[in-house]
C-alpha atoms as a PDB file:
ATOM      1  CA  MET A   1       2.326 -52.177-181.304  1.00  0.00           C
ATOM      2  CA  ILE A   2       3.996 -52.927-178.228  1.00  0.00           C
ATOM      3  CA  ASP A   3       2.055 -53.748-174.923  1.00  0.00           C
ATOM      4  CA  SER A   4       4.853 -54.814-172.595  1.00  0.00           C
ATOM      5  CA  PRO A   5       6.072 -52.300-170.354  1.00  0.00           C
ATOM      6  CA  GLN A   6       9.257 -54.819-170.454  1.00  0.00           C
ATOM      7  CA  ALA A   7       9.722 -53.705-173.946  1.00  0.00           C
ATOM      8  CA  GLY A   8       8.621 -50.598-173.799  1.00  0.00           C
ATOM      9  CA  ARG A   9      11.432 -49.679-170.910  1.00  0.00           C
ATOM     10  CA  GLU A  10      13.953 -51.171-173.240  1.00  0.00           C
ATOM     11  CA  LEU A  11      12.861 -49.173-176.067  1.00  0.00           C
ATOM     12  CA  LEU A  12      13.465 -46.001-173.897  1.00  0.00           C
ATOM     13  CA  GLU A  13      16.592 -47.047-172.504  1.00  0.00           C
ATOM     14  CA  LYS A  14      17.901 -47.259-176.043  1.00  0.00           C
ATOM     15  CA  ASP A  15      16.388 -43.903-177.304  1.00  0.00           C
ATOM     16  CA  PRO A  16      14.108 -41.169-174.556  1.00  0.00           C
ATOM     17  CA  TYR A  17      11.433 -39.719-177.375  1.00  0.00           C
ATOM     18  CA  ILE A  18       8.489 -40.240-177.127  1.00  0.00           C
ATOM     19  CA  LEU A  19       5.578 -38.461-179.722  1.00  0.00           C
ATOM     20  CA  TYR A  20       2.078 -38.559-177.753  1.00  0.00           C
ATOM     21  CA  LEU A  21      -0.371 -39.571-180.283  1.00  0.00           C
ATOM     22  CA  ASP A  22      -3.987 -40.188-178.359  1.00  0.00           C
ATOM     23  CA  GLU A  23      -5.463 -41.697-174.943  1.00  0.00           C
ATOM     24  CA  THR A  24      -8.643 -43.786-173.875  1.00  0.00           C
ATOM     25  CA  ASP A  25      -9.775 -44.162-170.277  1.00  0.00           C
ATOM     26  CA  ASP A  26      -6.961 -46.792-169.805  1.00  0.00           C
ATOM     27  CA  LEU A  27      -4.208 -45.883-172.245  1.00  0.00           C
ATOM     28  CA  TYR A  28      -1.886 -43.694-173.841  1.00  0.00           C
ATOM     29  CA  HIS A  29      -0.952 -44.374-177.436  1.00  0.00           C
ATOM     30  CA  VAL A  30       2.458 -42.541-177.842  1.00  0.00           C
ATOM     31  CA  ARG A  31       5.283 -42.902-181.044  1.00  0.00           C
ATOM     32  CA  SER A  32       8.299 -44.010-179.929  1.00  0.00           C
ATOM     33  CA  GLY A  33      11.654 -42.718-181.869  1.00  0.00           C
ATOM     34  CA  GLU A  34      12.115 -45.810-184.241  1.00  0.00           C
ATOM     35  CA  ARG A  35       8.127 -45.425-185.230  1.00  0.00           C
ATOM     36  CA  LEU A  36       7.078 -48.003-182.822  1.00  0.00           C
ATOM     37  CA  ILE A  37       3.894 -47.191-181.436  1.00  0.00           C
ATOM     38  CA  LEU A  38       3.668 -47.763-177.669  1.00  0.00           C
ATOM     39  CA  ALA A  39       0.110 -48.954-176.074  1.00  0.00           C
ATOM     40  CA  VAL A  40       1.482 -47.231-172.220  1.00  0.00           C
ATOM     41  CA  PRO A  41      -1.674 -47.990-169.271  1.00  0.00           C
ATOM     42  CA  LYS A  42      -2.551 -45.704-166.673  1.00  0.00           C
ATOM     43  CA  ASP A  43      -1.676 -45.838-162.811  1.00  0.00           C
ATOM     44  CA  ARG A  44      -5.190 -43.842-162.388  1.00  0.00           C
ATOM     45  CA  THR A  45      -8.804 -44.237-161.666  1.00  0.00           C
ATOM     46  CA  VAL A  46     -11.231 -42.060-164.410  1.00  0.00           C
ATOM     47  CA  PRO A  47     -12.840 -39.736-161.982  1.00  0.00           C
ATOM     48  CA  GLU A  48     -16.109 -39.173-161.121  1.00  0.00           C
ATOM     49  CA  ILE A  49     -18.983 -36.389-162.772  1.00  0.00           C
ATOM     50  CA  TYR A  50     -18.941 -33.809-160.403  1.00  0.00           C
ATOM     51  CA  PRO A  51     -21.880 -32.903-159.606  1.00  0.00           C
ATOM     52  CA  ALA A  52     -22.975 -36.117-160.237  1.00  0.00           C
ATOM     53  CA  ARG A  53     -25.592 -35.956-163.218  1.00  0.00           C
ATOM     54  CA  ARG A  54     -29.610 -36.007-161.614  1.00  0.00           C
ATOM     55  CA  PRO A  55     -31.859 -38.754-162.799  1.00  0.00           C
ATOM     56  CA  ALA A  56     -34.178 -38.657-165.649  1.00  0.00           C
ATOM     57  CA  ARG A  57     -37.082 -38.940-163.239  1.00  0.00           C
ATOM     58  CA  LEU A  58     -36.033 -36.489-160.667  1.00  0.00           C
ATOM     59  CA  GLN A  59     -35.587 -34.047-163.386  1.00  0.00           C
ATOM     60  CA  ASP A  60     -39.259 -35.208-164.749  1.00  0.00           C
ATOM     61  CA  ALA A  61     -40.557 -35.051-161.117  1.00  0.00           C
ATOM     62  CA  TYR A  62     -39.206 -31.343-160.904  1.00  0.00           C
ATOM     63  CA  ARG A  63     -40.515 -30.095-163.679  1.00  0.00           C
ATOM     64  CA  TRP A  64     -43.831 -31.535-162.763  1.00  0.00           C
ATOM     65  CA  LEU A  65     -43.753 -30.102-159.323  1.00  0.00           C
ATOM     66  CA  TRP A  66     -42.714 -26.193-160.564  1.00  0.00           C
ATOM     67  CA  MET A  67     -45.335 -26.449-163.420  1.00  0.00           C
ATOM     68  CA  ALA A  68     -47.841 -27.594-160.304  1.00  0.00           C
ATOM     69  CA  PHE A  69     -46.559 -24.465-158.411  1.00  0.00           C
ATOM     70  CA  PHE A  70     -46.742 -21.637-160.759  1.00  0.00           C
ATOM     71  CA  SER A  71     -50.253 -23.148-162.029  1.00  0.00           C
ATOM     72  CA  LEU A  72     -52.084 -22.598-158.161  1.00  0.00           C
ATOM     73  CA  PRO A  73     -52.833 -18.511-159.394  1.00  0.00           C
ATOM     74  CA  LEU A  74     -54.901 -20.365-161.880  1.00  0.00           C
ATOM     75  CA  ALA A  75     -57.386 -21.379-159.283  1.00  0.00           C
ATOM     76  CA  GLY A  76     -55.542 -24.560-158.267  1.00  0.00           C
ATOM     77  CA  ILE A  77     -56.794 -26.436-160.743  1.00  0.00           C
ATOM     78  CA  GLY A  78     -52.796 -26.654-162.572  1.00  0.00           C
ATOM     79  CA  ALA A  79     -51.837 -28.237-159.168  1.00  0.00           C
ATOM     80  CA  LEU A  80     -54.719 -30.753-159.419  1.00  0.00           C
ATOM     81  CA  LEU A  81     -53.250 -31.498-162.590  1.00  0.00           C
ATOM     82  CA  PHE A  82     -49.557 -31.710-162.408  1.00  0.00           C
ATOM     83  CA  ALA A  83     -48.869 -32.616-158.434  1.00  0.00           C
ATOM     84  CA  PRO A  84     -49.866 -36.038-159.015  1.00  0.00           C
ATOM     85  CA  LEU A  85     -47.527 -36.121-161.973  1.00  0.00           C
ATOM     86  CA  ALA A  86     -44.887 -35.056-160.277  1.00  0.00           C
ATOM     87  CA  ALA A  87     -45.683 -37.550-157.101  1.00  0.00           C
ATOM     88  CA  THR A  88     -46.067 -40.886-159.747  1.00  0.00           C
ATOM     89  CA  ALA A  89     -42.695 -39.964-161.210  1.00  0.00           C
ATOM     90  CA  ALA A  90     -41.361 -39.584-157.151  1.00  0.00           C
ATOM     91  CA  ILE A  91     -42.744 -42.474-156.851  1.00  0.00           C
ATOM     92  CA  ARG A  92     -41.034 -44.546-160.069  1.00  0.00           C
ATOM     93  CA  LEU A  93     -37.361 -42.900-159.431  1.00  0.00           C
ATOM     94  CA  TYR A  94     -37.615 -43.716-155.187  1.00  0.00           C
ATOM     95  CA  LEU A  95     -38.556 -47.324-156.266  1.00  0.00           C
ATOM     96  CA  GLU A  96     -35.748 -47.490-159.505  1.00  0.00           C
ATOM     97  CA  THR A  97     -32.880 -45.968-157.380  1.00  0.00           C
ATOM     98  CA  PRO A  98     -31.077 -46.991-155.053  1.00  0.00           C
ATOM     99  CA  SER A  99     -29.405 -43.882-154.443  1.00  0.00           C
ATOM    100  CA  LYS A 100     -29.597 -42.335-150.755  1.00  0.00           C
ATOM    101  CA  THR A 101     -30.074 -38.881-152.058  1.00  0.00           C
ATOM    102  CA  ASN A 102     -32.422 -39.730-154.992  1.00  0.00           C
ATOM    103  CA  ARG A 103     -34.545 -41.673-152.384  1.00  0.00           C
ATOM    104  CA  ILE A 104     -34.441 -38.398-150.004  1.00  0.00           C
ATOM    105  CA  TYR A 105     -34.776 -35.924-152.866  1.00  0.00           C
ATOM    106  CA  SER A 106     -38.169 -38.282-154.268  1.00  0.00           C
ATOM    107  CA  LEU A 107     -39.679 -38.470-151.097  1.00  0.00           C
ATOM    108  CA  VAL A 108     -39.837 -34.313-150.289  1.00  0.00           C
ATOM    109  CA  VAL A 109     -40.717 -34.138-153.945  1.00  0.00           C
ATOM    110  CA  LEU A 110     -43.815 -36.640-152.894  1.00  0.00           C
ATOM    111  CA  ILE A 111     -44.337 -34.339-149.424  1.00  0.00           C
ATOM    112  CA  LEU A 112     -44.436 -31.291-151.482  1.00  0.00           C
ATOM    113  CA  SER A 113     -46.479 -32.564-154.705  1.00  0.00           C
ATOM    114  CA  ALA A 114     -48.829 -33.481-151.615  1.00  0.00           C
ATOM    115  CA  SER A 115     -49.049 -30.625-149.992  1.00  0.00           C
ATOM    116  CA  LEU A 116     -49.160 -28.313-153.217  1.00  0.00           C
ATOM    117  CA  TRP A 117     -52.272 -31.266-154.440  1.00  0.00           C
ATOM    118  CA  LEU A 118     -54.167 -30.395-151.102  1.00  0.00           C
ATOM    119  CA  PHE A 119     -53.679 -26.854-151.446  1.00  0.00           C
ATOM    120  CA  GLY A 120     -54.825 -26.261-154.808  1.00  0.00           C
ATOM    121  CA  LEU A 121     -57.693 -28.362-153.896  1.00  0.00           C
ATOM    122  CA  LEU A 122     -58.895 -25.728-151.266  1.00  0.00           C
ATOM    123  CA  ILE A 123     -58.160 -23.219-153.845  1.00  0.00           C
ATOM    124  CA  SER A 124     -60.716 -24.833-155.998  1.00  0.00           C
ATOM    125  CA  VAL A 125     -63.211 -25.539-153.493  1.00  0.00           C
ATOM    126  CA  ILE A 126     -63.376 -21.763-151.848  1.00  0.00           C
ATOM    127  CA  LEU A 127     -63.377 -20.761-155.731  1.00  0.00           C
ATOM    128  CA  LEU A 128     -66.999 -22.950-156.338  1.00  0.00           C
ATOM    129  CA  VAL A 129     -67.944 -21.623-153.202  1.00  0.00           C
ATOM    130  CA  HIS A 130     -67.717 -18.258-154.579  1.00  0.00           C
ATOM    131  CA  LEU A 131     -69.241 -18.932-157.698  1.00  0.00           C
ATOM    132  CA  ILE A 132     -72.295 -20.890-156.556  1.00  0.00           C
END
């Protein structure tokens, strides 16, 4: 395998035939007409994944938040159980991540989970008053 650019250039001047074999993030692997394998460096960076993947803690927080929201009709008891779990996942995300967007997402989840918890508490109290 030839790694130097000068040797590769000289080889290509003699015989310009190149066969693509494989590639990595940094190199192309090609074969010349003389059956020599060349490693040609890429002159570019690896593109970032777009859209960026959400952290697992944020997905957990969203999951608990949706469960709290959909369990509100069940006398608010589900919201009393699931909203604190969403809040703890959001707090953990806020403390772990340096990303500003993830911190904003975690604050939004925290505010929504607190409001769902309060609303679930209100529904539960109203149900208990009607039962007594």
